[in-house]
């Protein structure tokens, strides 16, 4: 397997593990629930849909298990939490690129495309 293939496989395994353990993320890296509620008030387990998140954050950074798990790299900017761009361009959060991402949102969906659980974690 090429190095890039191994890196992609490792990233997929990490996202799946995080998705599977979304409710038990290390307290030091998990963003406090009060912050999540303030910054992403429309993200509610059992209510928010996959389409709601795609409308809010755009296409996911990665997708696993045939769309059961989505991840987004996010930044915090002048206008709150926003998606990090993968192309290194600028966005409304203040010119943030993927490398400047400070958070990762992992959402696990039920068979009806509703968020079953999620975790927002600091990545740097």
PDB file of N, CA and C in Angstrom:
ATOM      1  N   UNK A   1       0.853  -1.183   0.000  1.00  0.00           N
ATOM      2  CA  UNK A   1       0.000   0.000   0.000  1.00  0.00           C
ATOM      3  C   UNK A   1       0.891   1.235   0.000  1.00  0.00           C
ATOM      4  N   UNK A   2       0.612   2.197  -0.844  1.00  0.00           N
ATOM      5  CA  UNK A   2       1.367   3.433  -0.899  1.00  0.00           C
ATOM      6  C   UNK A   2       1.241   4.187   0.416  1.00  0.00           C
ATOM      7  N   UNK A   3       2.192   5.109   0.656  1.00  0.00           N
ATOM      8  CA  UNK A   3       2.155   5.914   1.885  1.00  0.00           C
ATOM      9  C   UNK A   3       0.864   6.706   1.978  1.00  0.00           C
ATOM     10  N   UNK A   4       0.415   7.284   0.844  1.00  0.00           N
ATOM     11  CA  UNK A   4      -0.827   8.062   0.875  1.00  0.00           C
ATOM     12  C   UNK A   4      -2.021   7.165   1.167  1.00  0.00           C
ATOM     13  N   UNK A   5      -1.991   5.931   0.678  1.00  0.00           N
ATOM     14  CA  UNK A   5      -3.059   4.970   0.974  1.00  0.00           C
ATOM     15  C   UNK A   5      -3.077   4.598   2.438  1.00  0.00           C
ATOM     16  N   UNK A   6      -1.892   4.419   3.013  1.00  0.00           N
ATOM     17  CA  UNK A   6      -1.811   4.097   4.450  1.00  0.00           C
ATOM     18  C   UNK A   6      -2.320   5.266   5.284  1.00  0.00           C
ATOM     19  N   UNK A   7      -1.979   6.487   4.872  1.00  0.00           N
ATOM     20  CA  UNK A   7      -2.436   7.667   5.612  1.00  0.00           C
ATOM     21  C   UNK A   7      -3.955   7.781   5.539  1.00  0.00           C
ATOM     22  N   UNK A   8      -4.526   7.535   4.360  1.00  0.00           N
ATOM     23  CA  UNK A   8      -5.985   7.600   4.216  1.00  0.00           C
ATOM     24  C   UNK A   8      -6.655   6.518   5.048  1.00  0.00           C
ATOM     25  N   UNK A   9      -6.074   5.320   5.057  1.00  0.00           N
ATOM     26  CA  UNK A   9      -6.635   4.231   5.853  1.00  0.00           C
ATOM     27  C   UNK A   9      -6.562   4.554   7.344  1.00  0.00           C
ATOM     28  N   UNK A  10      -5.449   5.158   7.767  1.00  0.00           N
ATOM     29  CA  UNK A  10      -5.305   5.534   9.179  1.00  0.00           C
ATOM     30  C   UNK A  10      -6.317   6.604   9.559  1.00  0.00           C
ATOM     31  N   UNK A  11      -6.536   7.587   8.665  1.00  0.00           N
ATOM     32  CA  UNK A  11      -7.515   8.646   8.939  1.00  0.00           C
ATOM     33  C   UNK A  11      -8.921   8.060   9.028  1.00  0.00           C
ATOM     34  N   UNK A  12      -9.245   7.141   8.131  1.00  0.00           N
ATOM     35  CA  UNK A  12     -10.563   6.504   8.159  1.00  0.00           C
ATOM     36  C   UNK A  12     -10.753   5.728   9.445  1.00  0.00           C
ATOM     37  N   UNK A  13      -9.739   4.985   9.853  1.00  0.00           N
ATOM     38  CA  UNK A  13      -9.841   4.212  11.089  1.00  0.00           C
ATOM     39  C   UNK A  13     -10.014   5.126  12.299  1.00  0.00           C
ATOM     40  N   UNK A  14      -9.284   6.245  12.308  1.00  0.00           N
ATOM     41  CA  UNK A  14      -9.399   7.191  13.427  1.00  0.00           C
ATOM     42  C   UNK A  14     -10.785   7.815  13.481  1.00  0.00           C
ATOM     43  N   UNK A  15     -11.322   8.196  12.332  1.00  0.00           N
ATOM     44  CA  UNK A  15     -12.660   8.802  12.306  1.00  0.00           C
ATOM     45  C   UNK A  15     -13.728   7.811  12.733  1.00  0.00           C
ATOM     46  N   UNK A  16     -13.598   6.572  12.290  1.00  0.00           N
ATOM     47  CA  UNK A  16     -14.572   5.555  12.683  1.00  0.00           C
ATOM     48  C   UNK A  16     -14.491   5.302  14.183  1.00  0.00           C
ATOM     49  N   UNK A  17     -13.270   5.218  14.704  1.00  0.00           N
ATOM     50  CA  UNK A  17     -13.114   5.010  16.146  1.00  0.00           C
ATOM     51  C   UNK A  17     -13.692   6.183  16.919  1.00  0.00           C
ATOM     52  N   UNK A  18     -13.446   7.412  16.449  1.00  0.00           N
ATOM     53  CA  UNK A  18     -13.992   8.590  17.114  1.00  0.00           C
ATOM     54  C   UNK A  18     -15.505   8.603  17.018  1.00  0.00           C
ATOM     55  N   UNK A  19     -16.017   8.250  15.856  1.00  0.00           N
ATOM     56  CA  UNK A  19     -17.470   8.198  15.677  1.00  0.00           C
ATOM     57  C   UNK A  19     -18.096   7.168  16.583  1.00  0.00           C
ATOM     58  N   UNK A  20     -17.432   6.030  16.734  1.00  0.00           N
ATOM     59  CA  UNK A  20     -17.965   4.975  17.589  1.00  0.00           C
ATOM     60  C   UNK A  20     -17.911   5.360  19.059  1.00  0.00           C
ATOM     61  N   UNK A  21     -16.961   6.211  19.401  1.00  0.00           N
ATOM     62  CA  UNK A  21     -16.802   6.608  20.796  1.00  0.00           C
ATOM     63  C   UNK A  21     -17.137   8.075  20.999  1.00  0.00           C
ATOM     64  N   UNK A  22     -17.988   8.628  20.157  1.00  0.00           N
ATOM     65  CA  UNK A  22     -18.271  10.065  20.180  1.00  0.00           C
ATOM     66  C   UNK A  22     -18.696  10.571  21.547  1.00  0.00           C
ATOM     67  N   UNK A  23     -19.352   9.755  22.316  1.00  0.00           N
ATOM     68  CA  UNK A  23     -19.821  10.200  23.625  1.00  0.00           C
ATOM     69  C   UNK A  23     -18.771  10.019  24.709  1.00  0.00           C
ATOM     70  N   UNK A  24     -17.648   9.375  24.401  1.00  0.00           N
ATOM     71  CA  UNK A  24     -16.648   9.142  25.427  1.00  0.00           C
ATOM     72  C   UNK A  24     -15.307   9.779  25.078  1.00  0.00           C
ATOM     73  N   UNK A  25     -15.326  10.868  24.324  1.00  0.00           N
ATOM     74  CA  UNK A  25     -14.109  11.570  23.940  1.00  0.00           C
ATOM     75  C   UNK A  25     -13.417  12.113  25.183  1.00  0.00           C
ATOM     76  N   UNK A  26     -12.099  12.124  25.164  1.00  0.00           N
ATOM     77  CA  UNK A  26     -11.300  12.657  26.259  1.00  0.00           C
ATOM     78  C   UNK A  26     -11.799  14.055  26.631  1.00  0.00           C
ATOM     79  N   UNK A  27     -12.036  14.288  27.892  1.00  0.00           N
ATOM     80  CA  UNK A  27     -12.591  15.566  28.344  1.00  0.00           C
ATOM     81  C   UNK A  27     -11.688  16.751  28.035  1.00  0.00           C
ATOM     82  N   UNK A  28     -10.370  16.500  27.933  1.00  0.00           N
ATOM     83  CA  UNK A  28      -9.461  17.608  27.663  1.00  0.00           C
ATOM     84  C   UNK A  28      -9.530  18.077  26.219  1.00  0.00           C
ATOM     85  N   UNK A  29      -9.932  17.217  25.287  1.00  0.00           N
ATOM     86  CA  UNK A  29      -9.990  17.620  23.894  1.00  0.00           C
ATOM     87  C   UNK A  29     -11.420  17.888  23.426  1.00  0.00           C
ATOM     88  N   UNK A  30     -12.390  17.357  24.126  1.00  0.00           N
ATOM     89  CA  UNK A  30     -13.783  17.564  23.735  1.00  0.00           C
ATOM     90  C   UNK A  30     -14.207  18.980  24.117  1.00  0.00           C
ATOM     91  N   UNK A  31     -14.863  19.649  23.193  1.00  0.00           N
ATOM     92  CA  UNK A  31     -15.347  21.005  23.440  1.00  0.00           C
ATOM     93  C   UNK A  31     -16.525  20.911  24.412  1.00  0.00           C
ATOM     94  N   UNK A  32     -16.543  21.742  25.458  1.00  0.00           N
ATOM     95  CA  UNK A  32     -17.633  21.685  26.442  1.00  0.00           C
ATOM     96  C   UNK A  32     -19.009  21.852  25.793  1.00  0.00           C
ATOM     97  N   UNK A  33     -19.978  21.115  26.300  1.00  0.00           N
ATOM     98  CA  UNK A  33     -21.331  21.133  25.747  1.00  0.00           C
ATOM     99  C   UNK A  33     -21.920  22.543  25.722  1.00  0.00           C
ATOM    100  N   UNK A  34     -21.630  23.355  26.712  1.00  0.00           N
ATOM    101  CA  UNK A  34     -22.153  24.727  26.739  1.00  0.00           C
ATOM    102  C   UNK A  34     -21.623  25.537  25.551  1.00  0.00           C
ATOM    103  N   UNK A  35     -20.365  25.307  25.178  1.00  0.00           N
ATOM    104  CA  UNK A  35     -19.784  25.993  24.027  1.00  0.00           C
ATOM    105  C   UNK A  35     -20.433  25.507  22.741  1.00  0.00           C
ATOM    106  N   UNK A  36     -20.633  24.199  22.617  1.00  0.00           N
ATOM    107  CA  UNK A  36     -21.283  23.648  21.427  1.00  0.00           C
ATOM    108  C   UNK A  36     -22.688  24.220  21.290  1.00  0.00           C
ATOM    109  N   UNK A  37     -23.432  24.257  22.401  1.00  0.00           N
ATOM    110  CA  UNK A  37     -24.809  24.771  22.378  1.00  0.00           C
ATOM    111  C   UNK A  37     -24.839  26.243  21.969  1.00  0.00           C
ATOM    112  N   UNK A  38     -23.830  27.009  22.382  1.00  0.00           N
ATOM    113  CA  UNK A  38     -23.775  28.427  22.029  1.00  0.00           C
ATOM    114  C   UNK A  38     -23.348  28.631  20.569  1.00  0.00           C
ATOM    115  N   UNK A  39     -22.360  27.868  20.121  1.00  0.00           N
ATOM    116  CA  UNK A  39     -21.794  28.060  18.786  1.00  0.00           C
ATOM    117  C   UNK A  39     -22.573  27.354  17.679  1.00  0.00           C
ATOM    118  N   UNK A  40     -23.176  26.207  18.006  1.00  0.00           N
ATOM    119  CA  UNK A  40     -23.938  25.440  17.005  1.00  0.00           C
ATOM    120  C   UNK A  40     -25.279  25.048  17.631  1.00  0.00           C
ATOM    121  N   UNK A  41     -26.133  26.031  17.921  1.00  0.00           N
ATOM    122  CA  UNK A  41     -27.371  25.744  18.648  1.00  0.00           C
ATOM    123  C   UNK A  41     -28.337  24.819  17.908  1.00  0.00           C
ATOM    124  N   UNK A  42     -28.211  24.745  16.605  1.00  0.00           N
ATOM    125  CA  UNK A  42     -29.125  23.899  15.837  1.00  0.00           C
ATOM    126  C   UNK A  42     -28.644  22.453  15.718  1.00  0.00           C
ATOM    127  N   UNK A  43     -27.554  22.091  16.384  1.00  0.00           N
ATOM    128  CA  UNK A  43     -27.058  20.720  16.379  1.00  0.00           C
ATOM    129  C   UNK A  43     -27.599  20.006  17.612  1.00  0.00           C
ATOM    130  N   UNK A  44     -28.631  19.169  17.382  1.00  0.00           N
ATOM    131  CA  UNK A  44     -29.322  18.490  18.486  1.00  0.00           C
ATOM    132  C   UNK A  44     -29.456  17.009  18.140  1.00  0.00           C
ATOM    133  N   UNK A  45     -28.948  16.159  19.023  1.00  0.00           N
ATOM    134  CA  UNK A  45     -29.086  14.722  18.816  1.00  0.00           C
ATOM    135  C   UNK A  45     -30.560  14.344  18.749  1.00  0.00           C
ATOM    136  N   UNK A  46     -30.898  13.493  17.784  1.00  0.00           N
ATOM    137  CA  UNK A  46     -32.271  13.048  17.620  1.00  0.00           C
ATOM    138  C   UNK A  46     -33.158  14.007  16.846  1.00  0.00           C
ATOM    139  N   UNK A  47     -32.627  15.155  16.454  1.00  0.00           N
ATOM    140  CA  UNK A  47     -33.427  16.155  15.744  1.00  0.00           C
ATOM    141  C   UNK A  47     -32.755  16.643  14.452  1.00  0.00           C
ATOM    142  N   UNK A  48     -31.491  17.025  14.537  1.00  0.00           N
ATOM    143  CA  UNK A  48     -30.766  17.559  13.396  1.00  0.00           C
ATOM    144  C   UNK A  48     -30.546  16.457  12.361  1.00  0.00           C
ATOM    145  N   UNK A  49     -30.725  16.805  11.087  1.00  0.00           N
ATOM    146  CA  UNK A  49     -30.550  15.817  10.028  1.00  0.00           C
ATOM    147  C   UNK A  49     -29.208  15.996   9.308  1.00  0.00           C
ATOM    148  N   UNK A  50     -28.863  14.994   8.530  1.00  0.00           N
ATOM    149  CA  UNK A  50     -27.660  15.058   7.703  1.00  0.00           C
ATOM    150  C   UNK A  50     -27.743  16.275   6.774  1.00  0.00           C
ATOM    151  N   UNK A  51     -28.902  16.476   6.159  1.00  0.00           N
ATOM    152  CA  UNK A  51     -29.073  17.624   5.258  1.00  0.00           C
ATOM    153  C   UNK A  51     -28.898  18.950   5.991  1.00  0.00           C
ATOM    154  N   UNK A  52     -29.376  19.039   7.235  1.00  0.00           N
ATOM    155  CA  UNK A  52     -29.194  20.264   8.029  1.00  0.00           C
ATOM    156  C   UNK A  52     -27.710  20.590   8.178  1.00  0.00           C
ATOM    157  N   UNK A  53     -26.903  19.564   8.494  1.00  0.00           N
ATOM    158  CA  UNK A  53     -25.465  19.787   8.700  1.00  0.00           C
ATOM    159  C   UNK A  53     -24.762  20.136   7.389  1.00  0.00           C
ATOM    160  N   UNK A  54     -25.156  19.497   6.301  1.00  0.00           N
ATOM    161  CA  UNK A  54     -24.551  19.819   5.006  1.00  0.00           C
ATOM    162  C   UNK A  54     -24.905  21.247   4.596  1.00  0.00           C
ATOM    163  N   UNK A  55     -26.122  21.679   4.876  1.00  0.00           N
ATOM    164  CA  UNK A  55     -26.494  23.066   4.592  1.00  0.00           C
ATOM    165  C   UNK A  55     -25.679  24.036   5.434  1.00  0.00           C
ATOM    166  N   UNK A  56     -25.415  23.679   6.682  1.00  0.00           N
ATOM    167  CA  UNK A  56     -24.681  24.568   7.595  1.00  0.00           C
ATOM    168  C   UNK A  56     -23.179  24.591   7.305  1.00  0.00           C
ATOM    169  N   UNK A  57     -22.584  23.390   7.093  1.00  0.00           N
ATOM    170  CA  UNK A  57     -21.131  23.289   6.987  1.00  0.00           C
ATOM    171  C   UNK A  57     -20.614  22.911   5.603  1.00  0.00           C
ATOM    172  N   UNK A  58     -21.512  22.640   4.659  1.00  0.00           N
ATOM    173  CA  UNK A  58     -21.073  22.219   3.340  1.00  0.00           C
ATOM    174  C   UNK A  58     -20.780  20.729   3.316  1.00  0.00           C
ATOM    175  N   UNK A  59     -20.246  20.244   2.212  1.00  0.00           N
ATOM    176  CA  UNK A  59     -19.939  18.816   2.125  1.00  0.00           C
ATOM    177  C   UNK A  59     -18.964  18.417   3.233  1.00  0.00           C
ATOM    178  N   UNK A  60     -19.091  17.210   3.751  1.00  0.00           N
ATOM    179  CA  UNK A  60     -18.185  16.804   4.820  1.00  0.00           C
ATOM    180  C   UNK A  60     -16.747  16.697   4.335  1.00  0.00           C
ATOM    181  N   UNK A  61     -15.823  16.866   5.260  1.00  0.00           N
ATOM    182  CA  UNK A  61     -14.411  16.680   4.963  1.00  0.00           C
ATOM    183  C   UNK A  61     -14.150  15.217   4.629  1.00  0.00           C
ATOM    184  N   UNK A  62     -14.839  14.335   5.346  1.00  0.00           N
ATOM    185  CA  UNK A  62     -14.720  12.897   5.106  1.00  0.00           C
ATOM    186  C   UNK A  62     -16.050  12.235   5.424  1.00  0.00           C
ATOM    187  N   UNK A  63     -16.252  11.090   4.815  1.00  0.00           N
ATOM    188  CA  UNK A  63     -17.491  10.321   4.989  1.00  0.00           C
ATOM    189  C   UNK A  63     -17.097   8.856   5.142  1.00  0.00           C
ATOM    190  N   UNK A  64     -17.720   8.158   6.106  1.00  0.00           N
ATOM    191  CA  UNK A  64     -17.375   6.769   6.388  1.00  0.00           C
ATOM    192  C   UNK A  64     -18.637   5.926   6.530  1.00  0.00           C
ATOM    193  N   UNK A  65     -18.441   4.631   6.392  1.00  0.00           N
ATOM    194  CA  UNK A  65     -19.523   3.661   6.556  1.00  0.00           C
ATOM    195  C   UNK A  65     -20.746   4.023   5.724  1.00  0.00           C
ATOM    196  N   UNK A  66     -20.519   4.260   4.431  1.00  0.00           N
ATOM    197  CA  UNK A  66     -21.596   4.554   3.478  1.00  0.00           C
ATOM    198  C   UNK A  66     -22.480   5.720   3.925  1.00  0.00           C
ATOM    199  N   UNK A  67     -21.851   6.757   4.478  1.00  0.00           N
ATOM    200  CA  UNK A  67     -22.589   7.953   4.871  1.00  0.00           C
ATOM    201  C   UNK A  67     -23.143   7.934   6.278  1.00  0.00           C
ATOM    202  N   UNK A  68     -22.857   6.893   7.053  1.00  0.00           N
ATOM    203  CA  UNK A  68     -23.344   6.835   8.434  1.00  0.00           C
ATOM    204  C   UNK A  68     -22.570   7.793   9.337  1.00  0.00           C
ATOM    205  N   UNK A  69     -21.310   8.078   8.977  1.00  0.00           N
ATOM    206  CA  UNK A  69     -20.463   8.977   9.767  1.00  0.00           C
ATOM    207  C   UNK A  69     -19.910  10.049   8.842  1.00  0.00           C
ATOM    208  N   UNK A  70     -20.123  11.310   9.221  1.00  0.00           N
ATOM    209  CA  UNK A  70     -19.546  12.454   8.501  1.00  0.00           C
ATOM    210  C   UNK A  70     -18.611  13.176   9.462  1.00  0.00           C
ATOM    211  N   UNK A  71     -17.542  13.755   8.908  1.00  0.00           N
ATOM    212  CA  UNK A  71     -16.654  14.607   9.699  1.00  0.00           C
ATOM    213  C   UNK A  71     -16.436  15.921   8.961  1.00  0.00           C
ATOM    214  N   UNK A  72     -16.250  16.977   9.715  1.00  0.00           N
ATOM    215  CA  UNK A  72     -15.921  18.291   9.162  1.00  0.00           C
ATOM    216  C   UNK A  72     -14.751  18.854   9.942  1.00  0.00           C
ATOM    217  N   UNK A  73     -13.816  19.505   9.250  1.00  0.00           N
ATOM    218  CA  UNK A  73     -12.769  20.289   9.898  1.00  0.00           C
ATOM    219  C   UNK A  73     -13.328  21.702  10.003  1.00  0.00           C
ATOM    220  N   UNK A  74     -13.257  22.289  11.184  1.00  0.00           N
ATOM    221  CA  UNK A  74     -13.879  23.587  11.436  1.00  0.00           C
ATOM    222  C   UNK A  74     -12.874  24.574  12.021  1.00  0.00           C
ATOM    223  N   UNK A  75     -13.182  25.840  11.822  1.00  0.00           N
ATOM    224  CA  UNK A  75     -12.384  26.928  12.377  1.00  0.00           C
ATOM    225  C   UNK A  75     -13.297  27.817  13.211  1.00  0.00           C
ATOM    226  N   UNK A  76     -12.690  28.593  14.091  1.00  0.00           N
ATOM    227  CA  UNK A  76     -13.440  29.603  14.847  1.00  0.00           C
ATOM    228  C   UNK A  76     -12.964  30.953  14.348  1.00  0.00           C
ATOM    229  N   UNK A  77     -13.898  31.747  13.863  1.00  0.00           N
ATOM    230  CA  UNK A  77     -13.537  33.048  13.318  1.00  0.00           C
ATOM    231  C   UNK A  77     -14.461  34.138  13.805  1.00  0.00           C
ATOM    232  N   UNK A  78     -14.421  35.244  13.116  1.00  0.00           N
ATOM    233  CA  UNK A  78     -15.234  36.407  13.495  1.00  0.00           C
ATOM    234  C   UNK A  78     -16.720  36.090  13.565  1.00  0.00           C
ATOM    235  N   UNK A  79     -17.171  35.159  12.736  1.00  0.00           N
ATOM    236  CA  UNK A  79     -18.597  34.851  12.658  1.00  0.00           C
ATOM    237  C   UNK A  79     -18.938  33.498  13.285  1.00  0.00           C
ATOM    238  N   UNK A  80     -18.122  33.039  14.202  1.00  0.00           N
ATOM    239  CA  UNK A  80     -18.386  31.766  14.869  1.00  0.00           C
ATOM    240  C   UNK A  80     -17.683  30.603  14.204  1.00  0.00           C
ATOM    241  N   UNK A  81     -18.162  29.409  14.505  1.00  0.00           N
ATOM    242  CA  UNK A  81     -17.565  28.203  13.965  1.00  0.00           C
ATOM    243  C   UNK A  81     -18.031  28.016  12.525  1.00  0.00           C
ATOM    244  N   UNK A  82     -17.056  27.745  11.653  1.00  0.00           N
ATOM    245  CA  UNK A  82     -17.336  27.607  10.224  1.00  0.00           C
ATOM    246  C   UNK A  82     -16.451  26.516   9.646  1.00  0.00           C
ATOM    247  N   UNK A  83     -16.812  26.010   8.477  1.00  0.00           N
ATOM    248  CA  UNK A  83     -15.975  24.976   7.858  1.00  0.00           C
ATOM    249  C   UNK A  83     -14.639  25.540   7.401  1.00  0.00           C
ATOM    250  N   UNK A  84     -13.608  24.718   7.508  1.00  0.00           N
ATOM    251  CA  UNK A  84     -12.300  25.078   6.969  1.00  0.00           C
ATOM    252  C   UNK A  84     -12.286  24.687   5.502  1.00  0.00           C
ATOM    253  N   UNK A  85     -11.680  25.512   4.694  1.00  0.00           N
ATOM    254  CA  UNK A  85     -11.617  25.228   3.266  1.00  0.00           C
ATOM    255  C   UNK A  85     -10.497  24.242   2.979  1.00  0.00           C
ATOM    256  N   UNK A  86     -10.724  23.336   2.056  1.00  0.00           N
ATOM    257  CA  UNK A  86      -9.703  22.356   1.711  1.00  0.00           C
ATOM    258  C   UNK A  86      -8.730  22.877   0.673  1.00  0.00           C
ATOM    259  N   UNK A  87      -9.095  23.945  -0.024  1.00  0.00           N
ATOM    260  CA  UNK A  87      -8.239  24.462  -1.086  1.00  0.00           C
ATOM    261  C   UNK A  87      -7.320  25.586  -0.665  1.00  0.00           C
ATOM    262  N   UNK A  88      -7.326  25.962   0.610  1.00  0.00           N
ATOM    263  CA  UNK A  88      -6.440  27.012   1.087  1.00  0.00           C
ATOM    264  C   UNK A  88      -6.932  28.417   0.788  1.00  0.00           C
ATOM    265  N   UNK A  89      -8.164  28.572   0.344  1.00  0.00           N
ATOM    266  CA  UNK A  89      -8.715  29.890   0.032  1.00  0.00           C
ATOM    267  C   UNK A  89      -9.230  30.592   1.264  1.00  0.00           C
ATOM    268  N   UNK A  90     -10.086  31.558   1.034  1.00  0.00           N
ATOM    269  CA  UNK A  90     -10.645  32.338   2.131  1.00  0.00           C
ATOM    270  C   UNK A  90     -12.137  32.063   2.260  1.00  0.00           C
ATOM    271  N   UNK A  91     -12.626  32.201   3.478  1.00  0.00           N
ATOM    272  CA  UNK A  91     -14.059  32.055   3.690  1.00  0.00           C
ATOM    273  C   UNK A  91     -14.527  33.119   4.667  1.00  0.00           C
ATOM    274  N   UNK A  92     -15.808  33.085   5.014  1.00  0.00           N
ATOM    275  CA  UNK A  92     -16.352  34.140   5.858  1.00  0.00           C
ATOM    276  C   UNK A  92     -15.808  34.118   7.274  1.00  0.00           C
ATOM    277  N   UNK A  93     -15.131  33.063   7.666  1.00  0.00           N
ATOM    278  CA  UNK A  93     -14.585  32.989   9.022  1.00  0.00           C
ATOM    279  C   UNK A  93     -13.253  33.720   9.136  1.00  0.00           C
ATOM    280  N   UNK A  94     -12.811  34.346   8.080  1.00  0.00           N
ATOM    281  CA  UNK A  94     -11.606  35.153   8.182  1.00  0.00           C
ATOM    282  C   UNK A  94     -10.424  34.590   7.422  1.00  0.00           C
ATOM    283  N   UNK A  95     -10.630  33.935   6.315  1.00  0.00           N
ATOM    284  CA  UNK A  95      -9.525  33.465   5.508  1.00  0.00           C
ATOM    285  C   UNK A  95      -8.915  32.180   6.026  1.00  0.00           C
ATOM    286  N   UNK A  96      -9.709  31.268   6.491  1.00  0.00           N
ATOM    287  CA  UNK A  96      -9.211  30.053   7.109  1.00  0.00           C
ATOM    288  C   UNK A  96      -9.064  28.922   6.102  1.00  0.00           C
ATOM    289  N   UNK A  97      -7.980  28.210   6.208  1.00  0.00           N
ATOM    290  CA  UNK A  97      -7.780  27.040   5.366  1.00  0.00           C
ATOM    291  C   UNK A  97      -7.864  25.792   6.237  1.00  0.00           C
ATOM    292  N   UNK A  98      -7.839  24.649   5.575  1.00  0.00           N
ATOM    293  CA  UNK A  98      -7.935  23.372   6.281  1.00  0.00           C
ATOM    294  C   UNK A  98      -6.834  23.249   7.320  1.00  0.00           C
ATOM    295  N   UNK A  99      -5.651  23.728   7.015  1.00  0.00           N
ATOM    296  CA  UNK A  99      -4.522  23.622   7.953  1.00  0.00           C
ATOM    297  C   UNK A  99      -4.725  24.484   9.197  1.00  0.00           C
ATOM    298  N   UNK A 100      -5.604  25.465   9.108  1.00  0.00           N
ATOM    299  CA  UNK A 100      -5.875  26.314  10.260  1.00  0.00           C
ATOM    300  C   UNK A 100      -7.030  25.791  11.104  1.00  0.00           C
ATOM    301  N   UNK A 101      -7.589  24.663  10.726  1.00  0.00           N
ATOM    302  CA  UNK A 101      -8.724  24.100  11.462  1.00  0.00           C
ATOM    303  C   UNK A 101      -8.331  23.849  12.908  1.00  0.00           C
ATOM    304  N   UNK A 102      -9.230  24.174  13.803  1.00  0.00           N
ATOM    305  CA  UNK A 102      -8.995  23.980  15.236  1.00  0.00           C
ATOM    306  C   UNK A 102      -9.948  22.959  15.848  1.00  0.00           C
ATOM    307  N   UNK A 103     -10.952  22.557  15.071  1.00  0.00           N
ATOM    308  CA  UNK A 103     -11.948  21.621  15.578  1.00  0.00           C
ATOM    309  C   UNK A 103     -12.277  20.564  14.532  1.00  0.00           C
ATOM    310  N   UNK A 104     -12.725  19.440  15.015  1.00  0.00           N
ATOM    311  CA  UNK A 104     -13.264  18.405  14.145  1.00  0.00           C
ATOM    312  C   UNK A 104     -14.640  18.027  14.683  1.00  0.00           C
ATOM    313  N   UNK A 105     -15.628  18.080  13.813  1.00  0.00           N
ATOM    314  CA  UNK A 105     -16.980  17.658  14.174  1.00  0.00           C
ATOM    315  C   UNK A 105     -17.208  16.284  13.560  1.00  0.00           C
ATOM    316  N   UNK A 106     -17.586  15.327  14.394  1.00  0.00           N
ATOM    317  CA  UNK A 106     -17.915  13.983  13.935  1.00  0.00           C
ATOM    318  C   UNK A 106     -19.380  13.756  14.259  1.00  0.00           C
ATOM    319  N   UNK A 107     -20.167  13.422  13.247  1.00  0.00           N
ATOM    320  CA  UNK A 107     -21.593  13.156  13.444  1.00  0.00           C
ATOM    321  C   UNK A 107     -21.901  11.739  12.978  1.00  0.00           C
ATOM    322  N   UNK A 108     -22.618  11.007  13.826  1.00  0.00           N
ATOM    323  CA  UNK A 108     -23.052   9.650  13.503  1.00  0.00           C
ATOM    324  C   UNK A 108     -24.563   9.706  13.300  1.00  0.00           C
ATOM    325  N   UNK A 109     -25.017   9.190  12.159  1.00  0.00           N
ATOM    326  CA  UNK A 109     -26.429   9.271  11.791  1.00  0.00           C
ATOM    327  C   UNK A 109     -27.141   7.939  11.963  1.00  0.00           C
ATOM    328  N   UNK A 110     -28.426   8.010  12.266  1.00  0.00           N
ATOM    329  CA  UNK A 110     -29.250   6.800  12.339  1.00  0.00           C
ATOM    330  C   UNK A 110     -29.715   6.440  10.916  1.00  0.00           C
ATOM    331  N   UNK A 111     -30.457   5.349  10.745  1.00  0.00           N
ATOM    332  CA  UNK A 111     -30.901   4.951   9.405  1.00  0.00           C
ATOM    333  C   UNK A 111     -31.805   5.976   8.704  1.00  0.00           C
ATOM    334  N   UNK A 112     -32.352   6.936   9.455  1.00  0.00           N
ATOM    335  CA  UNK A 112     -33.219   7.969   8.874  1.00  0.00           C
ATOM    336  C   UNK A 112     -32.469   9.270   8.627  1.00  0.00           C
ATOM    337  N   UNK A 113     -31.125   9.222   8.698  1.00  0.00           N
ATOM    338  CA  UNK A 113     -30.252  10.382   8.457  1.00  0.00           C
ATOM    339  C   UNK A 113     -30.421  11.470   9.505  1.00  0.00           C
ATOM    340  N   UNK A 114     -30.758  11.087  10.733  1.00  0.00           N
ATOM    341  CA  UNK A 114     -30.860  12.008  11.859  1.00  0.00           C
ATOM    342  C   UNK A 114     -29.635  11.780  12.753  1.00  0.00           C
ATOM    343  N   UNK A 115     -29.086  12.851  13.309  1.00  0.00           N
ATOM    344  CA  UNK A 115     -27.904  12.728  14.172  1.00  0.00           C
ATOM    345  C   UNK A 115     -28.240  11.881  15.389  1.00  0.00           C
ATOM    346  N   UNK A 116     -27.543  10.770  15.520  1.00  0.00           N
ATOM    347  CA  UNK A 116     -27.704   9.914  16.698  1.00  0.00           C
ATOM    348  C   UNK A 116     -26.810  10.420  17.826  1.00  0.00           C
ATOM    349  N   UNK A 117     -25.569  10.774  17.463  1.00  0.00           N
ATOM    350  CA  UNK A 117     -24.637  11.370  18.430  1.00  0.00           C
ATOM    351  C   UNK A 117     -23.589  12.145  17.655  1.00  0.00           C
ATOM    352  N   UNK A 118     -22.911  13.038  18.351  1.00  0.00           N
ATOM    353  CA  UNK A 118     -21.865  13.842  17.714  1.00  0.00           C
ATOM    354  C   UNK A 118     -20.828  14.202  18.757  1.00  0.00           C
ATOM    355  N   UNK A 119     -19.693  14.631  18.265  1.00  0.00           N
ATOM    356  CA  UNK A 119     -18.636  15.113  19.130  1.00  0.00           C
ATOM    357  C   UNK A 119     -17.889  16.230  18.411  1.00  0.00           C
ATOM    358  N   UNK A 120     -17.634  17.315  19.106  1.00  0.00           N
ATOM    359  CA  UNK A 120     -16.812  18.403  18.607  1.00  0.00           C
ATOM    360  C   UNK A 120     -15.556  18.399  19.452  1.00  0.00           C
ATOM    361  N   UNK A 121     -14.409  18.179  18.804  1.00  0.00           N
ATOM    362  CA  UNK A 121     -13.163  18.070  19.540  1.00  0.00           C
ATOM    363  C   UNK A 121     -12.144  19.061  19.012  1.00  0.00           C
ATOM    364  N   UNK A 122     -11.291  19.532  19.923  1.00  0.00           N
ATOM    365  CA  UNK A 122     -10.185  20.402  19.534  1.00  0.00           C
ATOM    366  C   UNK A 122      -9.118  19.536  18.884  1.00  0.00           C
ATOM    367  N   UNK A 123      -8.583  19.977  17.756  1.00  0.00           N
ATOM    368  CA  UNK A 123      -7.567  19.189  17.068  1.00  0.00           C
ATOM    369  C   UNK A 123      -6.185  19.811  17.154  1.00  0.00           C
ATOM    370  N   UNK A 124      -6.084  21.012  17.700  1.00  0.00           N
ATOM    371  CA  UNK A 124      -4.768  21.646  17.877  1.00  0.00           C
ATOM    372  C   UNK A 124      -4.777  22.459  19.132  1.00  0.00           C
TER     373      UNK A 124
END
